[in-house]
């Protein structure tokens, strides 16, 4: 059976996760069916109802095809993870970040087990999430790392377990990343109730890595009840992180020129809380001015009764930090009581799925033999001006769709 690169999980059985039984190809659709121990379903695109009745227990119960070392690895990572071992959590995140095909399959098996563990915890918690996810973003120089360290130390002092996923931009030339956020959180990195994981964007436009969602799941499985996601703070990162957290906080520096001109309207509309940082010393007056400007701007941009607050805080003096956290708690309590938080998470699961589909399809497109064969010639014609980019794109898509049909 032909394998289709990064989309192999959709087109072929995954022995490490399931016990698929191959059946003959459907002649009228050109796709194949798969059957499970308790039901039969069809790959997406078939005229029947695809994957109806397939539960996660069916997907995850058959792992007998794993080799002995693979079983021991997954058992060790899972046992260490749910017992709160930071080393196991770090190794598990490394596993989900890998690009190795087989290890990516092992990562999905581990994630299935961790998700089942988390669902069991939520059932014992009356169906409510056991962790609070907060996304923090803002322009460079807003003091995001300093803010997170002060908030994190305050929360660990109150008995919370805090996980910080700090995403650093990668070089477009070398692909490298400084990963300097952890070095700026020296106190929090030494706290045994905190876990800091810097990750490169690896060219991801949204500023958050494709595996950030999976890292969040692993952190929650390891018992961290507060997960803070710090993004790059440029481009589309604010929109990306807003689709994976319970609350999105926008951090603004008090002295950076015309701030309202530099912040996109869409970003302000997604923010659940705006915090003006570095509100101490000589910057108190500018911080108050920015606070007033944003409060007025939000009244114009968001014509709703639930306007996000604009607060001031200082990571240097800790002034305003407890009040900011109290606001976050009240936001979470209100969202839980109304059911909005649970609804938001369900919607985010679909966004997560489609984001991965788009990434996998694009990778599959790039690696397709017909596309790879025609691409250099079409690119040369486009650069010479003999062919429009739109027509070249249409030709590549047609070559891809014909051979994939």
Protein backbone atom coordinates (compact mmCIF):
# COMPACT_ATOMS: atom_id res chain seq x y z
CA UNK A 1 0.00 0.00 0.00
CA UNK A 2 1.35 3.42 -0.90
CA UNK A 3 2.36 5.66 1.96
CA UNK A 4 1.66 9.34 1.80
CA UNK A 5 4.41 10.99 3.82
CA UNK A 6 3.20 13.04 6.79
CA UNK A 7 -0.40 12.02 6.19
CA UNK A 8 0.28 8.36 6.79
CA UNK A 9 -1.81 8.36 9.97
CA UNK A 10 -4.88 9.06 7.84
CA UNK A 11 -4.13 6.59 5.07
CA UNK A 12 -2.66 3.53 6.68
CA UNK A 13 -3.08 1.54 9.87
CA UNK A 14 -1.16 2.64 12.93
CA UNK A 15 -0.10 -0.58 14.64
CA UNK A 16 1.06 1.27 17.71
CA UNK A 17 -2.39 2.68 18.37
CA UNK A 18 -5.02 0.55 16.72
CA UNK A 19 -5.83 -2.88 15.44
CA UNK A 20 -7.03 -1.90 11.98
CA UNK A 21 -8.12 -4.68 9.63
CA UNK A 22 -7.53 -3.83 6.01
CA UNK A 23 -10.34 -4.46 3.57
CA UNK A 24 -10.43 -4.13 -0.23
CA UNK A 25 -10.45 -0.69 -1.82
CA UNK A 26 -13.78 0.91 -2.65
CA UNK A 27 -13.86 0.96 -6.43
CA UNK A 28 -16.24 3.91 -6.81
CA UNK A 29 -14.37 6.24 -4.46
CA UNK A 30 -10.77 5.13 -4.66
CA UNK A 31 -10.43 4.97 -0.89
CA UNK A 32 -10.12 2.05 1.43
CA UNK A 33 -12.14 1.04 4.45
CA UNK A 34 -10.93 0.03 7.83
CA UNK A 35 -12.69 -1.91 10.52
CA UNK A 36 -12.41 -1.96 14.27
CA UNK A 37 -13.21 -4.73 16.75
CA UNK A 38 -16.63 -3.26 17.49
CA UNK A 39 -17.52 -1.18 14.45
CA UNK A 40 -16.66 -0.51 10.84
CA UNK A 41 -16.01 2.88 9.37
CA UNK A 42 -14.62 4.57 6.30
CA UNK A 43 -11.86 7.04 5.60
CA UNK A 44 -12.97 10.66 5.15
CA UNK A 45 -14.29 11.24 1.64
CA UNK A 46 -16.48 8.15 1.45
CA UNK A 47 -20.22 8.51 1.02
CA UNK A 48 -20.88 6.67 4.29
CA UNK A 49 -20.56 8.18 7.76
CA UNK A 50 -16.82 8.28 8.52
CA UNK A 51 -15.47 7.12 11.85
CA UNK A 52 -18.89 7.04 13.50
CA UNK A 53 -18.84 5.28 16.85
CA UNK A 54 -15.06 5.14 17.14
CA UNK A 55 -14.15 5.95 20.73
CA UNK A 56 -10.77 6.75 22.15
CA UNK A 57 -10.82 3.50 24.11
CA UNK A 58 -11.07 1.52 20.87
CA UNK A 59 -8.30 3.59 19.32
CA UNK A 60 -5.92 3.17 22.23
CA UNK A 61 -6.53 -0.34 23.55
CA UNK A 62 -4.55 -2.34 20.98
CA UNK A 63 -0.84 -1.66 21.30
CA UNK A 64 0.44 -5.20 21.04
CA UNK A 65 2.45 -4.35 17.94
CA UNK A 66 4.83 -2.19 19.96
CA UNK A 67 8.26 -3.67 20.44
CA UNK A 68 9.53 -4.44 23.92
CA UNK A 69 11.75 -1.35 24.18
CA UNK A 70 8.93 0.86 22.89
CA UNK A 71 6.50 -0.51 25.47
CA UNK A 72 9.00 0.03 28.25
CA UNK A 73 9.71 3.57 27.05
CA UNK A 74 6.04 4.53 26.97
CA UNK A 75 5.35 2.88 30.32
CA UNK A 76 8.29 4.69 31.91
CA UNK A 77 7.28 8.07 30.47
CA UNK A 78 3.63 7.67 31.42
CA UNK A 79 4.30 6.49 34.96
CA UNK A 80 6.85 9.24 35.52
CA UNK A 81 4.57 11.84 33.97
CA UNK A 82 1.48 11.21 36.05
CA UNK A 83 3.63 11.01 39.18
CA UNK A 84 4.87 14.53 38.49
CA UNK A 85 8.48 13.85 37.54
CA UNK A 86 9.85 16.85 35.68
CA UNK A 87 12.42 14.76 33.82
CA UNK A 88 9.69 12.51 32.41
CA UNK A 89 7.65 15.55 31.39
CA UNK A 90 10.62 17.08 29.59
CA UNK A 91 11.35 13.81 27.78
CA UNK A 92 7.69 13.42 26.83
CA UNK A 93 7.58 16.92 25.31
CA UNK A 94 10.74 16.10 23.38
CA UNK A 95 8.98 12.99 22.07
CA UNK A 96 5.97 14.96 20.76
CA UNK A 97 8.30 17.53 19.18
CA UNK A 98 10.19 14.92 17.16
CA UNK A 99 9.91 14.67 13.40
CA UNK A 100 10.90 11.00 13.29
CA UNK A 101 7.94 9.06 11.83
CA UNK A 102 7.95 6.14 14.26
CA UNK A 103 8.54 8.30 17.33
CA UNK A 104 5.68 10.55 16.24
CA UNK A 105 3.45 7.48 16.39
CA UNK A 106 4.74 6.63 19.85
CA UNK A 107 4.01 10.21 20.92
CA UNK A 108 0.37 9.80 19.85
CA UNK A 109 0.06 6.62 21.91
CA UNK A 110 1.42 8.47 24.94
CA UNK A 111 -0.94 11.39 24.33
CA UNK A 112 -3.94 9.04 24.14
CA UNK A 113 -3.08 7.63 27.55
CA UNK A 114 -2.51 11.07 29.07
CA UNK A 115 -5.79 12.35 27.62
CA UNK A 116 -7.63 9.39 29.14
CA UNK A 117 -6.00 10.16 32.49
CA UNK A 118 -7.04 13.82 32.22
CA UNK A 119 -10.65 12.91 31.35
CA UNK A 120 -10.77 10.74 34.44
CA UNK A 121 -9.55 13.65 36.55
CA UNK A 122 -12.17 15.97 35.04
CA UNK A 123 -14.93 13.46 35.76
CA UNK A 124 -13.91 13.39 39.41
CA UNK A 125 -13.92 17.21 39.31
CA UNK A 126 -17.59 17.36 38.24
CA UNK A 127 -16.63 17.69 34.59
CA UNK A 128 -14.65 20.88 35.10
CA UNK A 129 -11.08 21.31 33.80
CA UNK A 130 -8.45 20.71 36.44
CA UNK A 131 -5.98 23.22 34.99
CA UNK A 132 -6.14 26.88 34.03
CA UNK A 133 -4.48 27.85 30.74
CA UNK A 134 -3.36 31.46 30.36
CA UNK A 135 -1.77 32.91 27.23
CA UNK A 136 0.45 35.95 27.57
CA UNK A 137 1.64 38.01 24.66
CA UNK A 138 2.72 41.48 23.75
CA UNK A 139 5.35 43.42 21.83
CA UNK A 140 9.06 42.81 22.47
CA UNK A 141 10.23 44.66 25.54
CA UNK A 142 6.90 44.43 27.34
CA UNK A 143 8.50 42.46 30.17
CA UNK A 144 6.67 39.19 29.57
CA UNK A 145 9.34 36.95 31.10
CA UNK A 146 9.74 39.16 34.18
CA UNK A 147 5.97 39.27 34.64
CA UNK A 148 5.69 35.48 34.36
CA UNK A 149 8.48 34.92 36.88
CA UNK A 150 6.88 37.17 39.50
CA UNK A 151 3.43 35.68 38.95
CA UNK A 152 4.84 32.15 38.91
CA UNK A 153 6.72 32.59 42.19
CA UNK A 154 3.60 34.02 43.82
CA UNK A 155 1.51 31.07 42.64
CA UNK A 156 4.00 28.38 43.70
CA UNK A 157 4.12 30.09 47.09
CA UNK A 158 0.36 29.59 47.30
CA UNK A 159 0.63 25.87 46.61
CA UNK A 160 0.06 25.83 42.85
CA UNK A 161 2.13 23.91 40.31
CA UNK A 162 3.01 26.19 37.42
CA UNK A 163 4.15 25.17 33.93
CA UNK A 164 5.55 27.80 31.57
CA UNK A 165 5.78 27.14 27.83
CA UNK A 166 7.93 29.93 26.42
CA UNK A 167 8.09 30.09 22.64
CA UNK A 168 11.10 31.84 21.09
CA UNK A 169 11.42 32.95 17.45
CA UNK A 170 13.63 30.88 15.19
CA UNK A 171 16.07 32.23 12.66
CA UNK A 172 14.80 32.14 9.08
CA UNK A 173 18.42 31.65 7.94
CA UNK A 174 19.82 29.01 10.27
CA UNK A 175 16.67 27.71 11.96
CA UNK A 176 18.27 28.28 15.37
CA UNK A 177 16.72 29.97 18.38
CA UNK A 178 18.20 31.70 21.41
CA UNK A 179 15.72 30.11 23.87
CA UNK A 180 16.59 32.84 26.35
CA UNK A 181 13.33 32.98 28.29
CA UNK A 182 14.41 30.35 30.79
CA UNK A 183 17.63 32.24 31.54
CA UNK A 184 15.55 35.32 32.36
CA UNK A 185 13.44 33.34 34.85
CA UNK A 186 16.28 32.34 37.14
CA UNK A 187 14.28 32.19 40.37
CA UNK A 188 11.31 30.36 38.88
CA UNK A 189 13.51 27.85 37.05
CA UNK A 190 14.92 26.70 40.41
CA UNK A 191 11.48 26.24 41.94
CA UNK A 192 10.57 22.55 42.22
CA UNK A 193 6.88 23.38 41.79
CA UNK A 194 7.52 25.07 38.45
CA UNK A 195 8.42 23.74 35.04
CA UNK A 196 9.78 25.97 32.27
CA UNK A 197 10.05 24.70 28.74
CA UNK A 198 11.45 27.00 26.03
CA UNK A 199 10.61 25.94 22.50
CA UNK A 200 11.56 27.38 19.10
CA UNK A 201 8.87 28.42 16.65
CA UNK A 202 10.68 26.41 13.94
CA UNK A 203 9.23 28.63 11.26
CA UNK A 204 5.64 28.45 12.50
CA UNK A 205 3.84 31.61 11.40
CA UNK A 206 1.58 31.73 14.40
CA UNK A 207 4.46 32.09 16.82
CA UNK A 208 3.44 28.99 18.74
CA UNK A 209 4.81 25.63 17.76
CA UNK A 210 2.56 22.93 16.28
CA UNK A 211 3.18 20.82 19.37
CA UNK A 212 2.34 23.52 21.93
CA UNK A 213 -1.16 22.10 22.38
CA UNK A 214 0.27 18.64 23.00
CA UNK A 215 2.78 20.04 25.48
CA UNK A 216 -0.10 21.67 27.35
CA UNK A 217 -1.85 18.29 27.62
CA UNK A 218 1.33 16.68 28.94
CA UNK A 219 1.84 19.44 31.52
CA UNK A 220 -1.71 19.01 32.77
CA UNK A 221 -1.21 15.24 32.94
CA UNK A 222 1.88 15.84 35.09
CA UNK A 223 -0.25 17.67 37.66
CA UNK A 224 0.44 21.29 36.77
CA UNK A 225 -2.78 23.16 37.51
CA UNK A 226 -1.69 26.45 35.92
CA UNK A 227 -0.16 26.55 32.44
CA UNK A 228 1.25 29.85 31.18
CA UNK A 229 2.03 30.15 27.46
CA UNK A 230 4.31 33.00 26.48
CA UNK A 231 4.38 33.74 22.76
CA UNK A 232 6.78 35.52 20.51
CA UNK A 233 4.66 38.64 20.49
CA UNK A 234 4.92 39.35 16.77
CA UNK A 235 2.73 38.72 13.74
CA UNK A 236 -0.11 36.23 14.26
CA UNK A 237 1.13 34.79 17.54
CA UNK A 238 -1.57 36.49 19.59
CA UNK A 239 -4.32 34.94 17.47
CA UNK A 240 -2.70 31.50 17.63
CA UNK A 241 -2.32 31.46 21.39
CA UNK A 242 -5.86 32.79 21.92
CA UNK A 243 -7.13 29.58 20.28
CA UNK A 244 -5.50 27.30 22.84
CA UNK A 245 -5.96 29.00 26.23
CA UNK A 246 -8.77 29.75 28.66
CA UNK A 247 -7.73 33.38 29.04
CA UNK A 248 -5.65 35.63 26.79
CA UNK A 249 -3.68 38.42 28.48
CA UNK A 250 -2.07 41.22 26.47
CA UNK A 251 0.97 42.88 28.07
CA UNK A 252 1.77 46.45 27.01
CA UNK A 253 4.88 48.49 27.94
CA UNK A 254 4.22 52.04 29.18
CA UNK A 255 6.77 53.85 27.03
CA UNK A 256 7.02 52.58 23.48
CA UNK A 257 5.74 55.41 21.33
CA UNK A 258 2.19 55.49 19.98
CA UNK A 259 1.03 52.15 21.37
CA UNK A 260 -2.48 52.29 19.95
CA UNK A 261 -1.09 52.68 16.45
CA UNK A 262 1.24 49.72 16.97
CA UNK A 263 -1.37 47.24 18.21
CA UNK A 264 -3.80 45.63 15.79
CA UNK A 265 -7.48 46.00 16.43
CA UNK A 266 -8.04 42.25 16.14
CA UNK A 267 -5.54 41.57 18.91
CA UNK A 268 -7.27 43.95 21.29
CA UNK A 269 -10.59 42.33 20.47
CA UNK A 270 -9.22 38.91 21.44
CA UNK A 271 -7.73 40.04 24.75
CA UNK A 272 -9.54 39.09 27.96
CA UNK A 273 -7.27 41.31 30.05
CA UNK A 274 -4.80 44.10 29.23
CA UNK A 275 -1.91 44.72 31.63
CA UNK A 276 0.33 47.77 31.40
CA UNK A 277 3.69 46.54 32.70
CA UNK A 278 6.67 48.34 34.28
CA UNK A 279 4.38 50.67 36.21
CA UNK A 280 6.99 51.87 38.68
CA UNK A 281 9.36 54.80 39.21
CA UNK A 282 9.39 57.34 36.40
CA UNK A 283 7.13 55.14 34.27
CA UNK A 284 4.11 55.39 36.59
CA UNK A 285 2.76 58.51 34.84
CA UNK A 286 3.16 57.08 31.29
CA UNK A 287 1.60 53.82 32.49
CA UNK A 288 -1.45 55.65 33.81
CA UNK A 289 -1.76 57.51 30.51
CA UNK A 290 -1.58 54.27 28.49
CA UNK A 291 -4.11 52.66 30.83
CA UNK A 292 -6.56 55.50 30.19
CA UNK A 293 -5.98 55.36 26.42
CA UNK A 294 -6.64 51.64 26.24
CA UNK A 295 -9.69 51.87 28.45
CA UNK A 296 -11.18 54.46 26.08
CA UNK A 297 -10.15 52.48 23.00
CA UNK A 298 -11.77 49.29 24.25
CA UNK A 299 -15.08 51.07 24.73
CA UNK A 300 -15.02 51.95 21.03
CA UNK A 301 -13.65 48.64 19.72
CA UNK A 302 -15.69 46.24 21.81
CA UNK A 303 -19.29 47.26 22.11
CA UNK A 304 -20.25 44.68 24.70
CA UNK A 305 -21.06 44.75 28.37
CA UNK A 306 -18.11 42.50 29.30
CA UNK A 307 -15.20 44.79 28.48
CA UNK A 308 -11.74 43.54 29.49
CA UNK A 309 -10.08 45.48 32.27
CA UNK A 310 -6.91 47.48 31.72
CA UNK A 311 -4.68 47.11 34.77
CA UNK A 312 -1.22 48.30 35.77
CA UNK A 313 1.46 46.12 37.35
CA UNK A 314 5.15 46.18 38.16
CA UNK A 315 7.34 43.10 38.09
CA UNK A 316 10.07 45.06 39.90
CA UNK A 317 8.02 46.06 42.95
CA UNK A 318 5.26 43.39 42.58
CA UNK A 319 2.70 46.18 42.85
CA UNK A 320 -0.52 45.18 41.12
CA UNK A 321 0.53 41.54 40.62
CA UNK A 322 -1.89 40.08 43.23
CA UNK A 323 -4.71 42.18 41.78
CA UNK A 324 -3.97 40.93 38.26
CA UNK A 325 -4.07 37.32 39.44
CA UNK A 326 -7.30 37.95 41.36
CA UNK A 327 -8.82 39.23 38.14
CA UNK A 328 -7.67 36.11 36.31
CA UNK A 329 -9.25 33.92 38.97
CA UNK A 330 -12.56 35.77 38.84
CA UNK A 331 -12.55 35.45 35.04
CA UNK A 332 -12.00 31.70 35.29
CA UNK A 333 -14.69 31.25 37.96
CA UNK A 334 -17.23 33.16 35.89
CA UNK A 335 -16.36 31.20 32.73
CA UNK A 336 -16.69 27.89 34.59
CA UNK A 337 -20.01 28.86 36.12
CA UNK A 338 -21.48 29.89 32.78
CA UNK A 339 -20.01 26.92 30.89
CA UNK A 340 -18.15 29.24 28.53
CA UNK A 341 -14.76 27.80 29.46
CA UNK A 342 -15.83 24.25 28.65
CA UNK A 343 -17.40 25.41 25.38
CA UNK A 344 -14.26 27.32 24.45
CA UNK A 345 -12.13 24.23 25.00
CA UNK A 346 -14.39 22.11 22.81
CA UNK A 347 -14.11 24.67 20.02
CA UNK A 348 -10.34 24.80 20.47
CA UNK A 349 -10.12 21.04 19.96
CA UNK A 350 -11.62 21.46 16.49
CA UNK A 351 -9.30 24.38 15.73
CA UNK A 352 -6.37 22.23 16.83
CA UNK A 353 -7.45 19.37 14.57
CA UNK A 354 -7.86 21.58 11.49
CA UNK A 355 -4.57 23.33 12.13
CA UNK A 356 -2.78 19.98 12.11
CA UNK A 357 -4.69 18.90 9.01
CA UNK A 358 -3.61 22.02 7.14
CA UNK A 359 -0.01 21.55 8.16
CA UNK A 360 0.02 17.87 7.23
CA UNK A 361 -1.69 18.45 3.89
CA UNK A 362 0.79 21.21 3.00
CA UNK A 363 3.70 18.96 3.91
CA UNK A 364 2.16 16.12 1.90
CA UNK A 365 1.75 18.51 -1.04
CA UNK A 366 5.41 19.58 -0.92
CA UNK A 367 6.64 15.99 -0.77
CA UNK A 368 4.35 14.64 -3.49
CA UNK A 369 6.35 13.17 -6.43
CA UNK A 370 4.38 14.95 -9.17
CA UNK A 371 4.60 18.29 -7.36
CA UNK A 372 8.32 17.90 -6.69
CA UNK A 373 8.89 17.03 -10.33
CA UNK A 374 6.96 19.98 -11.76
CA UNK A 375 7.89 22.58 -9.14
CA UNK A 376 11.38 23.62 -10.40
CA UNK A 377 10.16 24.12 -13.97
CA UNK A 378 7.09 26.11 -12.93
CA UNK A 379 9.09 28.22 -10.48
CA UNK A 380 11.54 29.10 -13.26
CA UNK A 381 8.68 30.15 -15.55
CA UNK A 382 7.14 32.27 -12.80
CA UNK A 383 10.42 34.05 -12.03
CA UNK A 384 10.93 34.78 -15.75
CA UNK A 385 7.43 36.21 -16.02
CA UNK A 386 6.30 33.61 -18.55
CA UNK A 387 3.66 32.23 -16.19
CA UNK A 388 1.51 33.92 -13.58
CA UNK A 389 1.86 32.65 -9.99
CA UNK A 390 -1.87 31.91 -9.88
CA UNK A 391 -1.77 29.70 -12.96
CA UNK A 392 1.34 27.91 -11.72
CA UNK A 393 -0.39 27.23 -8.40
CA UNK A 394 -3.46 25.88 -10.20
CA UNK A 395 -1.30 23.55 -12.30
CA UNK A 396 0.47 22.20 -9.21
CA UNK A 397 -2.81 21.62 -7.39
CA UNK A 398 -4.25 19.82 -10.41
CA UNK A 399 -1.17 17.58 -10.65
CA UNK A 400 -1.50 16.81 -6.97
CA UNK A 401 -5.26 16.13 -7.04
CA UNK A 402 -5.14 13.92 -10.15
CA UNK A 403 -2.54 11.55 -8.74
CA UNK A 404 -4.19 11.52 -5.31
CA UNK A 405 -7.72 10.80 -6.55
